[in-house]
Amino acid sequence: MQLPRNIQLGQRPIRENPLLNSSRELFVRAVIFLKGKNIMYDARYFKRLLMLAAFKAALGLGAVQASPVNAAAIPPQAAPIHELRVETTDILNYDERGSTTNVILDFYIGAGASVTSFAWDVNVTSYAGSYLSEMQVTFSDTVGRGVTFTPGDGDDFDGTADYAGYQDLSELGLVFQVGSDGILRLEFHDGFKDLGFDEPEGQWNTGTLTFGISPVPEPSTAAMVLGGLLLISRAAGRRRPGKPTGRMPAQ
């Protein structure tokens, strides 16, 4: 499949979600309750308790907006996200990809999460001597595997322009996963260095880049729900009356 010309292969800490904390607490209480002697009589209450815990866990997996973070400061269990929106206001384009002068932003989206789509709505300026068609952003994992996007592809002139659109990356075979560090890295760069060293080639004036994220299910949440279902099944089995034998009681 031929790719569109403009798409190529190419510090606030995240706080733990309180909804997941409360669902874990409910589950722990339920397990403690099972160790008591009233399981035969309170199975209905326990079932409602487990359903509430599962519901709260599901809410905890909802969409949230991520913030740029330092990879070393990421907690080991941060809530996964389904969408990442990045503001591009006043970001400068300096040099070709890989230059130490480029603006790089890191976002935590969850270990092993996949980037599935990409939308843009931006206003950019290319300075005199450079081209709009050379302003690029690459979004990738921390190793560099990802996608390079050129909003003004084909506009071989300087000036200011607006660009907007949406791309489902699965249609192009460009869905990719981030690594175990959970970092999605954005590097704003130029396709070719036209101007002097350390002199910016252009600027992303305003707008947003929005990424669709497919998170890996949280193991603790999945285990909690499955464990709750198993305990409910066992409780129901203990309350099930014995089958009649068909024998008449002795007179």
C-alpha atoms as a PDB file:
ATOM      1  CA  MET A   1       0.000   0.000   0.000  1.00  0.00           C
ATOM      2  CA  GLN A   2       1.348   3.393  -0.992  1.00  0.00           C
ATOM      3  CA  LEU A   3       1.449   5.862   1.892  1.00  0.00           C
ATOM      4  CA  PRO A   4       0.179   9.441   1.599  1.00  0.00           C
ATOM      5  CA  ARG A   5       3.031  11.850   0.914  1.00  0.00           C
ATOM      6  CA  ASN A   6       2.568  13.660   4.224  1.00  0.00           C
ATOM      7  CA  ILE A   7       2.767  10.471   6.359  1.00  0.00           C
ATOM      8  CA  GLN A   8       5.889   8.319   6.426  1.00  0.00           C
ATOM      9  CA  LEU A   9       7.059   5.307   8.351  1.00  0.00           C
ATOM     10  CA  GLY A  10       9.376   6.494  10.053  1.00  0.00           C
ATOM     11  CA  GLN A  11       6.269  17.863  33.815  1.00  0.00           C
ATOM     12  CA  ARG A  12       3.558  16.688  35.724  1.00  0.00           C
ATOM     13  CA  PRO A  13       3.714  13.080  37.022  1.00  0.00           C
ATOM     14  CA  ILE A  14       0.716  10.882  36.236  1.00  0.00           C
ATOM     15  CA  ARG A  15      -1.312  10.350  39.405  1.00  0.00           C
ATOM     16  CA  GLU A  16      -2.808   6.967  40.142  1.00  0.00           C
ATOM     17  CA  ASN A  17      -6.528   6.767  39.351  1.00  0.00           C
ATOM     18  CA  PRO A  18      -8.574   6.873  42.604  1.00  0.00           C
ATOM     19  CA  LEU A  19     -11.357   4.809  41.033  1.00  0.00           C
ATOM     20  CA  LEU A  20      -8.980   1.877  40.587  1.00  0.00           C
ATOM     21  CA  ASN A  21      -7.836   2.270  44.191  1.00  0.00           C
ATOM     22  CA  SER A  22     -11.402   2.127  45.496  1.00  0.00           C
ATOM     23  CA  SER A  23     -12.259  -0.912  43.358  1.00  0.00           C
ATOM     24  CA  ARG A  24      -9.212  -2.765  44.701  1.00  0.00           C
ATOM     25  CA  GLU A  25     -10.268  -1.861  48.237  1.00  0.00           C
ATOM     26  CA  LEU A  26     -13.772  -3.239  47.631  1.00  0.00           C
ATOM     27  CA  PHE A  27     -12.286  -6.451  46.297  1.00  0.00           C
ATOM     28  CA  VAL A  28     -10.018  -6.862  49.332  1.00  0.00           C
ATOM     29  CA  ARG A  29     -12.991  -6.340  51.639  1.00  0.00           C
ATOM     30  CA  ALA A  30     -14.934  -8.941  49.709  1.00  0.00           C
ATOM     31  CA  VAL A  31     -12.135 -11.498  50.048  1.00  0.00           C
ATOM     32  CA  ILE A  32     -11.900 -10.824  53.796  1.00  0.00           C
ATOM     33  CA  PHE A  33     -15.655 -11.276  54.024  1.00  0.00           C
ATOM     34  CA  LEU A  34     -15.374 -14.689  52.344  1.00  0.00           C
ATOM     35  CA  LYS A  35     -13.127 -15.889  55.128  1.00  0.00           C
ATOM     36  CA  GLY A  36     -15.979 -15.427  57.611  1.00  0.00           C
ATOM     37  CA  LYS A  37     -18.746 -17.873  58.338  1.00  0.00           C
ATOM     38  CA  ASN A  38     -21.635 -16.054  56.662  1.00  0.00           C
ATOM     39  CA  ILE A  39     -20.923 -16.799  53.009  1.00  0.00           C
ATOM     40  CA  MET A  40     -23.896 -19.166  52.806  1.00  0.00           C
ATOM     41  CA  TYR A  41     -26.287 -16.450  53.968  1.00  0.00           C
ATOM     42  CA  ASP A  42     -24.841 -13.291  52.422  1.00  0.00           C
ATOM     43  CA  ALA A  43     -23.988 -14.377  48.875  1.00  0.00           C
ATOM     44  CA  ARG A  44     -26.390 -11.811  47.422  1.00  0.00           C
ATOM     45  CA  TYR A  45     -24.639  -8.973  49.245  1.00  0.00           C
ATOM     46  CA  PHE A  46     -21.257 -10.299  48.139  1.00  0.00           C
ATOM     47  CA  LYS A  47     -22.404 -10.515  44.515  1.00  0.00           C
ATOM     48  CA  ARG A  48     -23.556  -6.901  44.590  1.00  0.00           C
ATOM     49  CA  LEU A  49     -20.242  -5.890  46.170  1.00  0.00           C
ATOM     50  CA  LEU A  50     -18.226  -7.599  43.419  1.00  0.00           C
ATOM     51  CA  MET A  51     -20.402  -6.081  40.669  1.00  0.00           C
ATOM     52  CA  LEU A  52     -19.780  -2.636  42.139  1.00  0.00           C
ATOM     53  CA  ALA A  53     -16.020  -3.285  42.227  1.00  0.00           C
ATOM     54  CA  ALA A  54     -16.007  -4.412  38.592  1.00  0.00           C
ATOM     55  CA  PHE A  55     -18.031  -1.352  37.569  1.00  0.00           C
ATOM     56  CA  LYS A  56     -15.628   1.000  39.320  1.00  0.00           C
ATOM     57  CA  ALA A  57     -12.667  -0.732  37.690  1.00  0.00           C
ATOM     58  CA  ALA A  58     -14.262  -0.247  34.264  1.00  0.00           C
ATOM     59  CA  LEU A  59     -14.706   3.446  34.949  1.00  0.00           C
ATOM     60  CA  GLY A  60     -11.030   3.672  35.849  1.00  0.00           C
ATOM     61  CA  LEU A  61     -10.079   2.621  32.306  1.00  0.00           C
ATOM     62  CA  GLY A  62     -11.787   5.646  30.682  1.00  0.00           C
ATOM     63  CA  ALA A  63     -10.126   8.299  28.526  1.00  0.00           C
ATOM     64  CA  VAL A  64      -7.947  10.913  30.190  1.00  0.00           C
ATOM     65  CA  GLN A  65      -5.552  13.523  28.858  1.00  0.00           C
ATOM     66  CA  ALA A  66      -1.876  12.787  29.351  1.00  0.00           C
ATOM     67  CA  SER A  67       0.808  15.310  30.253  1.00  0.00           C
ATOM     68  CA  PRO A  68       4.448  15.438  29.195  1.00  0.00           C
ATOM     69  CA  VAL A  69       6.572  13.597  31.713  1.00  0.00           C
ATOM     70  CA  ASN A  70      10.093  12.608  32.557  1.00  0.00           C
ATOM     71  CA  ALA A  71      10.474   8.889  31.803  1.00  0.00           C
ATOM     72  CA  ALA A  72      12.396   8.348  35.047  1.00  0.00           C
ATOM     73  CA  ALA A  73       9.556   9.878  37.082  1.00  0.00           C
ATOM     74  CA  ILE A  74       6.758   7.629  35.777  1.00  0.00           C
ATOM     75  CA  PRO A  75       5.095   5.501  38.479  1.00  0.00           C
ATOM     76  CA  PRO A  76       5.024   1.744  37.781  1.00  0.00           C
ATOM     77  CA  GLN A  77       1.186   1.615  37.667  1.00  0.00           C
ATOM     78  CA  ALA A  78      -0.381   4.628  35.958  1.00  0.00           C
ATOM     79  CA  ALA A  79      -3.889   4.497  34.518  1.00  0.00           C
ATOM     80  CA  PRO A  80      -3.996   3.720  30.778  1.00  0.00           C
ATOM     81  CA  ILE A  81      -5.458   6.289  28.373  1.00  0.00           C
ATOM     82  CA  HIS A  82      -7.426   6.085  25.132  1.00  0.00           C
ATOM     83  CA  GLU A  83      -6.652   9.510  23.685  1.00  0.00           C
ATOM     84  CA  LEU A  84      -3.726  11.899  23.884  1.00  0.00           C
ATOM     85  CA  ARG A  85      -4.112  15.540  22.873  1.00  0.00           C
ATOM     86  CA  VAL A  86      -0.967  17.639  22.492  1.00  0.00           C
ATOM     87  CA  GLU A  87      -0.931  21.442  22.255  1.00  0.00           C
ATOM     88  CA  THR A  88       1.523  22.755  19.661  1.00  0.00           C
ATOM     89  CA  THR A  89       1.507  26.447  20.619  1.00  0.00           C
ATOM     90  CA  ASP A  90       4.828  28.280  20.005  1.00  0.00           C
ATOM     91  CA  ILE A  91       6.904  25.162  19.285  1.00  0.00           C
ATOM     92  CA  LEU A  92       9.925  25.959  17.088  1.00  0.00           C
ATOM     93  CA  ASN A  93      11.350  23.842  14.267  1.00  0.00           C
ATOM     94  CA  TYR A  94      15.157  23.909  14.388  1.00  0.00           C
ATOM     95  CA  ASP A  95      16.945  21.180  12.477  1.00  0.00           C
ATOM     96  CA  GLU A  96      16.712  17.769  10.851  1.00  0.00           C
ATOM     97  CA  ARG A  97      15.509  14.792  12.862  1.00  0.00           C
ATOM     98  CA  GLY A  98      17.914  13.669  15.566  1.00  0.00           C
ATOM     99  CA  SER A  99      19.450  17.068  16.220  1.00  0.00           C
ATOM    100  CA  THR A 100      19.979  17.963  19.865  1.00  0.00           C
ATOM    101  CA  THR A 101      18.408  21.380  19.267  1.00  0.00           C
ATOM    102  CA  ASN A 102      14.999  19.972  18.340  1.00  0.00           C
ATOM    103  CA  VAL A 103      12.002  20.197  20.667  1.00  0.00           C
ATOM    104  CA  ILE A 104      11.179  16.733  22.057  1.00  0.00           C
ATOM    105  CA  LEU A 105       8.131  15.926  24.198  1.00  0.00           C
ATOM    106  CA  ASP A 106       7.613  12.610  26.015  1.00  0.00           C
ATOM    107  CA  PHE A 107       4.161  11.391  27.064  1.00  0.00           C
ATOM    108  CA  TYR A 108       3.246   8.339  29.125  1.00  0.00           C
ATOM    109  CA  ILE A 109       0.457   6.357  27.410  1.00  0.00           C
ATOM    110  CA  GLY A 110       0.924   2.952  29.083  1.00  0.00           C
ATOM    111  CA  ALA A 111       3.431   0.139  28.629  1.00  0.00           C
ATOM    112  CA  GLY A 112       2.904  -1.667  25.329  1.00  0.00           C
ATOM    113  CA  ALA A 113       0.050   0.635  24.248  1.00  0.00           C
ATOM    114  CA  SER A 114      -0.596   1.028  20.509  1.00  0.00           C
ATOM    115  CA  VAL A 115      -0.993   4.284  18.592  1.00  0.00           C
ATOM    116  CA  THR A 116      -3.916   3.642  16.231  1.00  0.00           C
ATOM    117  CA  SER A 117      -4.933   7.017  14.771  1.00  0.00           C
ATOM    118  CA  PHE A 118      -3.780  10.574  14.348  1.00  0.00           C
ATOM    119  CA  ALA A 119      -5.620  13.890  13.908  1.00  0.00           C
ATOM    120  CA  TRP A 120      -4.195  17.355  13.388  1.00  0.00           C
ATOM    121  CA  ASP A 121      -5.524  20.904  13.455  1.00  0.00           C
ATOM    122  CA  VAL A 122      -2.543  23.278  13.359  1.00  0.00           C
ATOM    123  CA  ASN A 123      -1.341  26.665  12.185  1.00  0.00           C
ATOM    124  CA  VAL A 124       2.343  26.765  11.208  1.00  0.00           C
ATOM    125  CA  THR A 125       4.820  29.304   9.852  1.00  0.00           C
ATOM    126  CA  SER A 126       7.891  28.577   7.762  1.00  0.00           C
ATOM    127  CA  TYR A 127      10.480  31.331   7.901  1.00  0.00           C
ATOM    128  CA  ALA A 128      11.953  32.931   4.788  1.00  0.00           C
ATOM    129  CA  GLY A 129      14.517  30.653   3.226  1.00  0.00           C
ATOM    130  CA  SER A 130      12.765  27.469   4.341  1.00  0.00           C
ATOM    131  CA  TYR A 131       9.599  25.644   3.167  1.00  0.00           C
ATOM    132  CA  LEU A 132       6.270  24.681   4.743  1.00  0.00           C
ATOM    133  CA  SER A 133       6.799  21.280   3.119  1.00  0.00           C
ATOM    134  CA  GLU A 134       9.843  20.731   5.338  1.00  0.00           C
ATOM    135  CA  MET A 135       8.120  21.216   8.716  1.00  0.00           C
ATOM    136  CA  GLN A 136       7.649  17.798  10.302  1.00  0.00           C
ATOM    137  CA  VAL A 137       6.821  15.986  13.519  1.00  0.00           C
ATOM    138  CA  THR A 138       7.780  12.385  14.242  1.00  0.00           C
ATOM    139  CA  PHE A 139       5.841  10.415  16.852  1.00  0.00           C
ATOM    140  CA  SER A 140       7.439   7.161  17.927  1.00  0.00           C
ATOM    141  CA  ASP A 141       8.602   4.979  20.792  1.00  0.00           C
ATOM    142  CA  THR A 142      11.828   5.941  22.555  1.00  0.00           C
ATOM    143  CA  VAL A 143      13.852   3.756  20.154  1.00  0.00           C
ATOM    144  CA  GLY A 144      12.590   5.748  17.157  1.00  0.00           C
ATOM    145  CA  ARG A 145      10.031   3.363  15.600  1.00  0.00           C
ATOM    146  CA  GLY A 146       6.981   5.330  14.527  1.00  0.00           C
ATOM    147  CA  VAL A 147       5.573   7.767  11.973  1.00  0.00           C
ATOM    148  CA  THR A 148       6.834  11.042  10.463  1.00  0.00           C
ATOM    149  CA  PHE A 149       4.127  13.549   9.525  1.00  0.00           C
ATOM    150  CA  THR A 150       4.435  16.585   7.215  1.00  0.00           C
ATOM    151  CA  PRO A 151       1.306  18.769   7.434  1.00  0.00           C
ATOM    152  CA  GLY A 152       2.345  21.041   4.514  1.00  0.00           C
ATOM    153  CA  ASP A 153       3.573  18.376   2.138  1.00  0.00           C
ATOM    154  CA  GLY A 154       3.834  19.810  -1.378  1.00  0.00           C
ATOM    155  CA  ASP A 155       3.843  23.450  -0.215  1.00  0.00           C
ATOM    156  CA  ASP A 156       7.354  24.318  -1.356  1.00  0.00           C
ATOM    157  CA  PHE A 157       7.288  27.926  -0.167  1.00  0.00           C
ATOM    158  CA  ASP A 158       7.536  29.855   3.082  1.00  0.00           C
ATOM    159  CA  GLY A 159       4.718  31.635   4.924  1.00  0.00           C
ATOM    160  CA  THR A 160       1.865  30.724   7.280  1.00  0.00           C
ATOM    161  CA  ALA A 161      -0.841  28.125   6.684  1.00  0.00           C
ATOM    162  CA  ASP A 162      -3.557  26.096   8.425  1.00  0.00           C
ATOM    163  CA  TYR A 163      -3.750  22.317   8.142  1.00  0.00           C
ATOM    164  CA  ALA A 164      -6.330  19.879   9.526  1.00  0.00           C
ATOM    165  CA  GLY A 165      -7.212  16.238   8.985  1.00  0.00           C
ATOM    166  CA  TYR A 166      -7.515  12.719  10.381  1.00  0.00           C
ATOM    167  CA  GLN A 167      -5.806   9.430   9.575  1.00  0.00           C
ATOM    168  CA  ASP A 168      -6.606   5.921  10.786  1.00  0.00           C
ATOM    169  CA  LEU A 169      -3.125   4.394  10.954  1.00  0.00           C
ATOM    170  CA  SER A 170      -4.472   0.850  10.541  1.00  0.00           C
ATOM    171  CA  GLU A 171      -5.538   1.758   6.986  1.00  0.00           C
ATOM    172  CA  LEU A 172      -1.880   2.395   6.171  1.00  0.00           C
ATOM    173  CA  GLY A 173      -0.433  -0.482   8.184  1.00  0.00           C
ATOM    174  CA  LEU A 174       1.315   2.011  10.466  1.00  0.00           C
ATOM    175  CA  VAL A 175      -0.132   1.132  13.889  1.00  0.00           C
ATOM    176  CA  PHE A 176       2.785   0.740  16.296  1.00  0.00           C
ATOM    177  CA  GLN A 177       3.366  -0.080  19.946  1.00  0.00           C
ATOM    178  CA  VAL A 178       5.436   1.854  22.448  1.00  0.00           C
ATOM    179  CA  GLY A 179       7.896  -0.020  24.616  1.00  0.00           C
ATOM    180  CA  SER A 180       7.749  -1.230  28.193  1.00  0.00           C
ATOM    181  CA  ASP A 181       8.516   2.315  29.367  1.00  0.00           C
ATOM    182  CA  GLY A 182       5.108   3.410  28.017  1.00  0.00           C
ATOM    183  CA  ILE A 183       6.556   6.548  26.375  1.00  0.00           C
ATOM    184  CA  LEU A 184       5.234   8.145  23.183  1.00  0.00           C
ATOM    185  CA  ARG A 185       7.884  10.594  21.950  1.00  0.00           C
ATOM    186  CA  LEU A 186       7.186  13.614  19.736  1.00  0.00           C
ATOM    187  CA  GLU A 187      10.081  15.303  17.949  1.00  0.00           C
ATOM    188  CA  PHE A 188       9.429  18.537  16.045  1.00  0.00           C
ATOM    189  CA  HIS A 189      11.996  18.911  13.271  1.00  0.00           C
ATOM    190  CA  ASP A 190      12.662  20.023   9.704  1.00  0.00           C
ATOM    191  CA  GLY A 191      13.061  17.892   6.630  1.00  0.00           C
ATOM    192  CA  PHE A 192      16.104  19.850   5.521  1.00  0.00           C
ATOM    193  CA  LYS A 193      18.287  22.411   7.281  1.00  0.00           C
ATOM    194  CA  ASP A 194      18.204  25.562   5.134  1.00  0.00           C
ATOM    195  CA  LEU A 195      19.126  28.295   7.613  1.00  0.00           C
ATOM    196  CA  GLY A 196      22.080  28.853   9.926  1.00  0.00           C
ATOM    197  CA  PHE A 197      23.090  26.639  12.844  1.00  0.00           C
ATOM    198  CA  ASP A 198      20.709  26.954  15.838  1.00  0.00           C
ATOM    199  CA  GLU A 199      18.482  29.271  13.785  1.00  0.00           C
ATOM    200  CA  PRO A 200      14.841  28.047  13.725  1.00  0.00           C
ATOM    201  CA  GLU A 201      13.356  27.136  10.371  1.00  0.00           C
ATOM    202  CA  GLY A 202       9.775  27.801  11.423  1.00  0.00           C
ATOM    203  CA  GLN A 203       7.204  27.656  14.197  1.00  0.00           C
ATOM    204  CA  TRP A 204       4.091  25.704  15.119  1.00  0.00           C
ATOM    205  CA  ASN A 205       1.939  28.672  16.112  1.00  0.00           C
ATOM    206  CA  THR A 206      -1.228  27.108  17.503  1.00  0.00           C
ATOM    207  CA  GLY A 207      -3.280  23.936  17.341  1.00  0.00           C
ATOM    208  CA  THR A 208      -3.425  20.353  18.528  1.00  0.00           C
ATOM    209  CA  LEU A 209      -2.229  16.886  17.580  1.00  0.00           C
ATOM    210  CA  THR A 210      -4.540  14.113  18.786  1.00  0.00           C
ATOM    211  CA  PHE A 211      -3.540  10.453  19.010  1.00  0.00           C
ATOM    212  CA  GLY A 212      -5.847   7.466  19.361  1.00  0.00           C
ATOM    213  CA  ILE A 213      -4.435   5.003  21.908  1.00  0.00           C
ATOM    214  CA  SER A 214      -5.249   1.334  22.400  1.00  0.00           C
ATOM    215  CA  PRO A 215      -3.983   0.428  25.895  1.00  0.00           C
ATOM    216  CA  VAL A 216      -2.932  -2.995  27.104  1.00  0.00           C
ATOM    217  CA  PRO A 217      -5.469  -4.179  29.736  1.00  0.00           C
ATOM    218  CA  GLU A 218      -4.172  -3.697  33.268  1.00  0.00           C
ATOM    219  CA  PRO A 219      -3.266  -7.156  34.666  1.00  0.00           C
ATOM    220  CA  SER A 220      -4.415  -6.309  38.183  1.00  0.00           C
ATOM    221  CA  THR A 221      -7.856  -5.201  36.980  1.00  0.00           C
ATOM    222  CA  ALA A 222      -8.356  -8.250  34.775  1.00  0.00           C
ATOM    223  CA  ALA A 223      -7.283 -10.574  37.587  1.00  0.00           C
ATOM    224  CA  MET A 224      -9.599  -8.816  40.032  1.00  0.00           C
ATOM    225  CA  VAL A 225     -12.665  -9.199  37.794  1.00  0.00           C
ATOM    226  CA  LEU A 226     -11.921 -12.848  36.960  1.00  0.00           C
ATOM    227  CA  GLY A 227     -11.237 -13.630  40.593  1.00  0.00           C
ATOM    228  CA  GLY A 228     -14.510 -12.001  41.613  1.00  0.00           C
ATOM    229  CA  LEU A 229     -16.480 -14.042  39.082  1.00  0.00           C
ATOM    230  CA  LEU A 230     -14.840 -17.247  40.325  1.00  0.00           C
ATOM    231  CA  LEU A 231     -15.707 -16.479  43.949  1.00  0.00           C
ATOM    232  CA  ILE A 232     -19.303 -15.647  43.021  1.00  0.00           C
ATOM    233  CA  SER A 233     -19.567 -18.982  41.210  1.00  0.00           C
ATOM    234  CA  ARG A 234     -18.240 -20.851  44.231  1.00  0.00           C
ATOM    235  CA  ALA A 235     -20.604 -19.044  46.574  1.00  0.00           C
ATOM    236  CA  ALA A 236     -23.573 -19.862  44.359  1.00  0.00           C
ATOM    237  CA  GLY A 237     -22.501 -23.510  44.202  1.00  0.00           C
ATOM    238  CA  ARG A 238     -22.407 -23.821  47.986  1.00  0.00           C
ATOM    239  CA  ARG A 239     -25.956 -22.476  48.294  1.00  0.00           C
ATOM    240  CA  ARG A 240     -27.383 -24.823  45.640  1.00  0.00           C
ATOM    241  CA  PRO A 241     -29.729 -27.391  47.320  1.00  0.00           C
ATOM    242  CA  GLY A 242     -29.055 -31.087  46.904  1.00  0.00           C
ATOM    243  CA  LYS A 243     -30.885 -33.065  44.238  1.00  0.00           C
ATOM    244  CA  PRO A 244     -33.821 -35.266  45.387  1.00  0.00           C
ATOM    245  CA  THR A 245     -33.103 -38.997  45.354  1.00  0.00           C
ATOM    246  CA  GLY A 246     -36.694 -40.084  44.599  1.00  0.00           C
ATOM    247  CA  ARG A 247     -36.904 -42.250  47.743  1.00  0.00           C
ATOM    248  CA  MET A 248     -39.782 -41.933  50.127  1.00  0.00           C
ATOM    249  CA  PRO A 249     -38.909 -41.320  53.778  1.00  0.00           C
ATOM    250  CA  ALA A 250     -39.307 -44.328  56.051  1.00  0.00           C
ATOM    251  CA  GLN A 251     -42.654 -44.507  57.917  1.00  0.00           C
END
